[in-house]
PDB file of all heavy atoms in Angstrom:
ATOM      1  N   ASN A   1     120.720  57.634-244.035  1.00  0.00           N
ATOM      2  CA  ASN A   1     119.546  57.896-244.769  1.00  0.00           C
ATOM      3  C   ASN A   1     119.931  58.153-246.223  1.00  0.00           C
ATOM      4  O   ASN A   1     120.774  58.997-246.527  1.00  0.00           O
ATOM      5  CB  ASN A   1     118.818  59.103-244.292  1.00  0.00           C
ATOM      6  CG  ASN A   1     117.543  59.390-244.889  1.00  0.00           C
ATOM      7  OD1 ASN A   1     117.403  59.821-246.104  1.00  0.00           O
ATOM      8  ND2 ASN A   1     116.342  59.085-244.218  1.00  0.00           N
ATOM      9  N   ALA A   2     119.373  57.449-247.219  1.00  0.00           N
ATOM     10  CA  ALA A   2     119.712  57.657-248.619  1.00  0.00           C
ATOM     11  C   ALA A   2     119.647  58.987-249.184  1.00  0.00           C
ATOM     12  O   ALA A   2     120.446  59.490-250.003  1.00  0.00           O
ATOM     13  CB  ALA A   2     118.988  56.572-249.426  1.00  0.00           C
ATOM     14  N   THR A   3     118.533  59.623-248.787  1.00  0.00           N
ATOM     15  CA  THR A   3     118.305  61.023-249.239  1.00  0.00           C
ATOM     16  C   THR A   3     119.414  61.982-248.763  1.00  0.00           C
ATOM     17  O   THR A   3     119.916  62.821-249.496  1.00  0.00           O
ATOM     18  CB  THR A   3     116.988  61.576-248.768  1.00  0.00           C
ATOM     19  OG1 THR A   3     116.896  61.567-247.375  1.00  0.00           O
ATOM     20  CG2 THR A   3     115.797  60.799-249.248  1.00  0.00           C
ATOM     21  N   GLY A   4     119.980  61.774-247.581  1.00  0.00           N
ATOM     22  CA  GLY A   4     121.014  62.595-246.984  1.00  0.00           C
ATOM     23  C   GLY A   4     122.317  62.359-247.844  1.00  0.00           C
ATOM     24  O   GLY A   4     123.112  63.279-248.189  1.00  0.00           O
ATOM     25  N   VAL A   5     122.591  61.066-248.189  1.00  0.00           N
ATOM     26  CA  VAL A   5     123.763  60.800-249.007  1.00  0.00           C
ATOM     27  C   VAL A   5     123.630  61.457-250.366  1.00  0.00           C
ATOM     28  O   VAL A   5     124.591  62.056-250.852  1.00  0.00           O
ATOM     29  CB  VAL A   5     123.854  59.260-249.214  1.00  0.00           C
ATOM     30  CG1 VAL A   5     125.022  58.868-250.116  1.00  0.00           C
ATOM     31  CG2 VAL A   5     124.174  58.569-247.782  1.00  0.00           C
ATOM     32  N   ILE A   6     122.525  61.317-250.959  1.00  0.00           N
ATOM     33  CA  ILE A   6     122.300  61.864-252.317  1.00  0.00           C
ATOM     34  C   ILE A   6     122.421  63.368-252.314  1.00  0.00           C
ATOM     35  O   ILE A   6     123.064  63.943-253.142  1.00  0.00           O
ATOM     36  CB  ILE A   6     120.957  61.425-252.884  1.00  0.00           C
ATOM     37  CG1 ILE A   6     121.062  59.852-253.159  1.00  0.00           C
ATOM     38  CG2 ILE A   6     120.560  62.163-254.215  1.00  0.00           C
ATOM     39  CD1 ILE A   6     119.691  59.237-253.555  1.00  0.00           C
ATOM     40  N   PHE A   7     121.692  63.987-251.343  1.00  0.00           N
ATOM     41  CA  PHE A   7     121.798  65.402-251.295  1.00  0.00           C
ATOM     42  C   PHE A   7     123.123  66.005-250.926  1.00  0.00           C
ATOM     43  O   PHE A   7     123.569  67.121-251.269  1.00  0.00           O
ATOM     44  CB  PHE A   7     120.800  66.030-250.333  1.00  0.00           C
ATOM     45  CG  PHE A   7     119.303  65.959-250.815  1.00  0.00           C
ATOM     46  CD1 PHE A   7     118.280  65.570-249.860  1.00  0.00           C
ATOM     47  CD2 PHE A   7     118.985  66.274-252.081  1.00  0.00           C
ATOM     48  CE1 PHE A   7     116.982  65.547-250.340  1.00  0.00           C
ATOM     49  CE2 PHE A   7     117.696  66.253-252.593  1.00  0.00           C
ATOM     50  CZ  PHE A   7     116.632  65.918-251.664  1.00  0.00           C
ATOM     51  N   GLY A   8     123.847  65.234-250.242  1.00  0.00           N
ATOM     52  CA  GLY A   8     125.236  65.634-249.731  1.00  0.00           C
ATOM     53  C   GLY A   8     126.345  65.373-250.723  1.00  0.00           C
ATOM     54  O   GLY A   8     127.419  65.862-250.452  1.00  0.00           O
ATOM     55  N   ARG A   9     126.090  64.678-251.802  1.00  0.00           N
ATOM     56  CA  ARG A   9     127.080  64.390-252.792  1.00  0.00           C
ATOM     57  C   ARG A   9     127.630  65.670-253.380  1.00  0.00           C
ATOM     58  O   ARG A   9     127.006  66.563-253.810  1.00  0.00           O
ATOM     59  CB  ARG A   9     126.621  63.547-253.861  1.00  0.00           C
ATOM     60  CG  ARG A   9     127.654  63.068-254.868  1.00  0.00           C
ATOM     61  CD  ARG A   9     127.050  62.972-256.355  1.00  0.00           C
ATOM     62  NE  ARG A   9     126.600  64.281-256.793  1.00  0.00           N
ATOM     63  CZ  ARG A   9     127.367  65.227-257.362  1.00  0.00           C
ATOM     64  NH1 ARG A   9     128.640  65.123-257.346  1.00  0.00           N
ATOM     65  NH2 ARG A   9     126.853  66.342-257.710  1.00  0.00           N
ATOM     66  N   ARG A  10     128.932  65.729-253.403  1.00  0.00           N
ATOM     67  CA  ARG A  10     129.680  66.859-254.046  1.00  0.00           C
ATOM     68  C   ARG A  10     130.912  66.317-254.764  1.00  0.00           C
ATOM     69  O   ARG A  10     131.446  65.218-254.514  1.00  0.00           O
ATOM     70  CB  ARG A  10     130.186  67.871-252.944  1.00  0.00           C
ATOM     71  CG  ARG A  10     129.205  68.463-252.091  1.00  0.00           C
ATOM     72  CD  ARG A  10     128.347  69.537-252.793  1.00  0.00           C
ATOM     73  NE  ARG A  10     127.405  70.251-251.927  1.00  0.00           N
ATOM     74  CZ  ARG A  10     126.161  69.817-251.620  1.00  0.00           C
ATOM     75  NH1 ARG A  10     125.750  68.717-252.211  1.00  0.00           N
ATOM     76  NH2 ARG A  10     125.370  70.556-250.889  1.00  0.00           N
ATOM     77  N   SER A  11     131.362  67.083-255.796  1.00  0.00           N
ATOM     78  CA  SER A  11     132.566  66.754-256.481  1.00  0.00           C
ATOM     79  C   SER A  11     133.786  67.459-255.786  1.00  0.00           C
ATOM     80  O   SER A  11     133.675  68.738-255.479  1.00  0.00           O
ATOM     81  CB  SER A  11     132.461  67.246-257.867  1.00  0.00           C
ATOM     82  OG  SER A  11     131.467  66.648-258.623  1.00  0.00           O
ATOM     83  N   ALA A  12     134.769  66.781-255.330  1.00  0.00           N
ATOM     84  CA  ALA A  12     135.819  67.263-254.630  1.00  0.00           C
ATOM     85  C   ALA A  12     136.717  68.224-255.550  1.00  0.00           C
ATOM     86  O   ALA A  12     136.901  67.842-256.703  1.00  0.00           O
ATOM     87  CB  ALA A  12     136.693  66.203-254.081  1.00  0.00           C
ATOM     88  N   GLN A  13     137.093  69.320-255.044  1.00  0.00           N
ATOM     89  CA  GLN A  13     137.943  70.195-255.755  1.00  0.00           C
ATOM     90  C   GLN A  13     139.385  70.095-255.432  1.00  0.00           C
ATOM     91  O   GLN A  13     140.252  70.498-256.220  1.00  0.00           O
ATOM     92  CB  GLN A  13     137.444  71.689-255.551  1.00  0.00           C
ATOM     93  CG  GLN A  13     135.987  71.961-255.873  1.00  0.00           C
ATOM     94  CD  GLN A  13     135.650  71.643-257.282  1.00  0.00           C
ATOM     95  OE1 GLN A  13     136.279  72.105-258.214  1.00  0.00           O
ATOM     96  NE2 GLN A  13     134.664  70.805-257.459  1.00  0.00           N
ATOM     97  N   ALA A  14     139.693  69.549-254.173  1.00  0.00           N
ATOM     98  CA  ALA A  14     141.037  69.289-253.800  1.00  0.00           C
ATOM     99  C   ALA A  14     141.035  68.246-252.731  1.00  0.00           C
ATOM    100  O   ALA A  14     140.021  68.070-252.087  1.00  0.00           O
ATOM    101  CB  ALA A  14     141.692  70.662-253.269  1.00  0.00           C
ATOM    102  N   PHE A  15     142.192  67.571-252.575  1.00  0.00           N
ATOM    103  CA  PHE A  15     142.217  66.422-251.623  1.00  0.00           C
ATOM    104  C   PHE A  15     143.348  66.708-250.576  1.00  0.00           C
ATOM    105  O   PHE A  15     144.320  67.334-250.911  1.00  0.00           O
ATOM    106  CB  PHE A  15     142.487  65.132-252.358  1.00  0.00           C
ATOM    107  CG  PHE A  15     141.353  64.698-253.200  1.00  0.00           C
ATOM    108  CD1 PHE A  15     141.401  64.811-254.573  1.00  0.00           C
ATOM    109  CD2 PHE A  15     140.236  64.071-252.625  1.00  0.00           C
ATOM    110  CE1 PHE A  15     140.328  64.254-255.385  1.00  0.00           C
ATOM    111  CE2 PHE A  15     139.135  63.643-253.389  1.00  0.00           C
ATOM    112  CZ  PHE A  15     139.228  63.714-254.799  1.00  0.00           C
ATOM    113  N   ASP A  16     143.131  66.149-249.474  1.00  0.00           N
ATOM    114  CA  ASP A  16     144.221  66.059-248.453  1.00  0.00           C
ATOM    115  C   ASP A  16     145.217  65.077-248.905  1.00  0.00           C
ATOM    116  O   ASP A  16     145.002  63.873-248.878  1.00  0.00           O
ATOM    117  CB  ASP A  16     143.646  65.697-247.100  1.00  0.00           C
ATOM    118  CG  ASP A  16     144.659  65.677-245.929  1.00  0.00           C
ATOM    119  OD1 ASP A  16     145.818  65.772-246.222  1.00  0.00           O
ATOM    120  OD2 ASP A  16     144.248  65.427-244.824  1.00  0.00           O
ATOM    121  N   ARG A  17     146.432  65.514-249.255  1.00  0.00           N
ATOM    122  CA  ARG A  17     147.411  64.574-249.820  1.00  0.00           C
ATOM    123  C   ARG A  17     148.054  63.633-248.822  1.00  0.00           C
ATOM    124  O   ARG A  17     148.769  62.819-249.230  1.00  0.00           O
ATOM    125  CB  ARG A  17     148.531  65.440-250.546  1.00  0.00           C
ATOM    126  CG  ARG A  17     149.272  66.359-249.644  1.00  0.00           C
ATOM    127  CD  ARG A  17     150.487  66.963-250.440  1.00  0.00           C
ATOM    128  NE  ARG A  17     150.053  67.786-251.457  1.00  0.00           N
ATOM    129  CZ  ARG A  17     149.878  69.109-251.378  1.00  0.00           C
ATOM    130  NH1 ARG A  17     150.176  69.720-250.242  1.00  0.00           N
ATOM    131  NH2 ARG A  17     149.488  69.820-252.403  1.00  0.00           N
ATOM    132  N   LYS A  18     147.803  63.836-247.529  1.00  0.00           N
ATOM    133  CA  LYS A  18     148.255  62.984-246.486  1.00  0.00           C
ATOM    134  C   LYS A  18     147.285  61.893-246.068  1.00  0.00           C
ATOM    135  O   LYS A  18     147.613  61.029-245.315  1.00  0.00           O
ATOM    136  CB  LYS A  18     148.744  63.805-245.264  1.00  0.00           C
ATOM    137  CG  LYS A  18     149.901  64.754-245.538  1.00  0.00           C
ATOM    138  CD  LYS A  18     150.275  65.555-244.291  1.00  0.00           C
ATOM    139  CE  LYS A  18     151.361  66.563-244.617  1.00  0.00           C
ATOM    140  NZ  LYS A  18     151.763  67.336-243.393  1.00  0.00           N
ATOM    141  N   ALA A  19     146.078  62.033-246.432  1.00  0.00           N
ATOM    142  CA  ALA A  19     144.969  61.138-246.002  1.00  0.00           C
ATOM    143  C   ALA A  19     145.169  59.737-246.655  1.00  0.00           C
ATOM    144  O   ALA A  19     145.761  59.642-247.736  1.00  0.00           O
ATOM    145  CB  ALA A  19     143.643  61.665-246.328  1.00  0.00           C
ATOM    146  N   ARG A  20     144.735  58.667-245.869  1.00  0.00           N
ATOM    147  CA  ARG A  20     144.873  57.349-246.347  1.00  0.00           C
ATOM    148  C   ARG A  20     143.459  56.678-246.370  1.00  0.00           C
ATOM    149  O   ARG A  20     142.593  57.151-245.588  1.00  0.00           O
ATOM    150  CB  ARG A  20     145.844  56.542-245.520  1.00  0.00           C
ATOM    151  CG  ARG A  20     147.283  57.122-245.538  1.00  0.00           C
ATOM    152  CD  ARG A  20     148.223  56.158-244.808  1.00  0.00           C
ATOM    153  NE  ARG A  20     148.413  54.920-245.452  1.00  0.00           N
ATOM    154  CZ  ARG A  20     149.254  54.734-246.466  1.00  0.00           C
ATOM    155  NH1 ARG A  20     149.984  55.679-246.932  1.00  0.00           N
ATOM    156  NH2 ARG A  20     149.253  53.557-247.048  1.00  0.00           N
ATOM    157  N   MET A  21     143.343  55.603-247.104  1.00  0.00           N
ATOM    158  CA  MET A  21     142.138  54.891-247.087  1.00  0.00           C
ATOM    159  C   MET A  21     142.395  53.397-246.605  1.00  0.00           C
ATOM    160  O   MET A  21     143.407  52.902-247.142  1.00  0.00           O
ATOM    161  CB  MET A  21     141.510  54.776-248.492  1.00  0.00           C
ATOM    162  CG  MET A  21     140.198  54.012-248.730  1.00  0.00           C
ATOM    163  SD  MET A  21     139.559  53.903-250.432  1.00  0.00           S
ATOM    164  CE  MET A  21     138.988  55.572-250.604  1.00  0.00           C
ATOM    165  N   GLY A  22     141.500  52.870-245.851  1.00  0.00           N
ATOM    166  CA  GLY A  22     141.752  51.460-245.458  1.00  0.00           C
ATOM    167  C   GLY A  22     141.368  50.544-246.587  1.00  0.00           C
ATOM    168  O   GLY A  22     140.579  50.854-247.468  1.00  0.00           O
ATOM    169  N   SER A  23     142.041  49.345-246.600  1.00  0.00           N
ATOM    170  CA  SER A  23     141.805  48.403-247.619  1.00  0.00           C
ATOM    171  C   SER A  23     140.358  47.936-247.639  1.00  0.00           C
ATOM    172  O   SER A  23     139.754  47.661-248.672  1.00  0.00           O
ATOM    173  CB  SER A  23     142.667  47.207-247.522  1.00  0.00           C
ATOM    174  OG  SER A  23     142.597  46.620-246.268  1.00  0.00           O
ATOM    175  N   GLY A  24     139.719  47.847-246.422  1.00  0.00           N
ATOM    176  CA  GLY A  24     138.296  47.425-246.407  1.00  0.00           C
ATOM    177  C   GLY A  24     137.434  48.435-247.188  1.00  0.00           C
ATOM    178  O   GLY A  24     136.579  47.989-247.933  1.00  0.00           O
TER     179      GLY A  24
END
């Protein structure tokens, strides 16, 4: 739901330095 995405947006203050992202 678009409203949930919009209301849930936050600015990250810190990241998990071990996490990875898929190329897709």
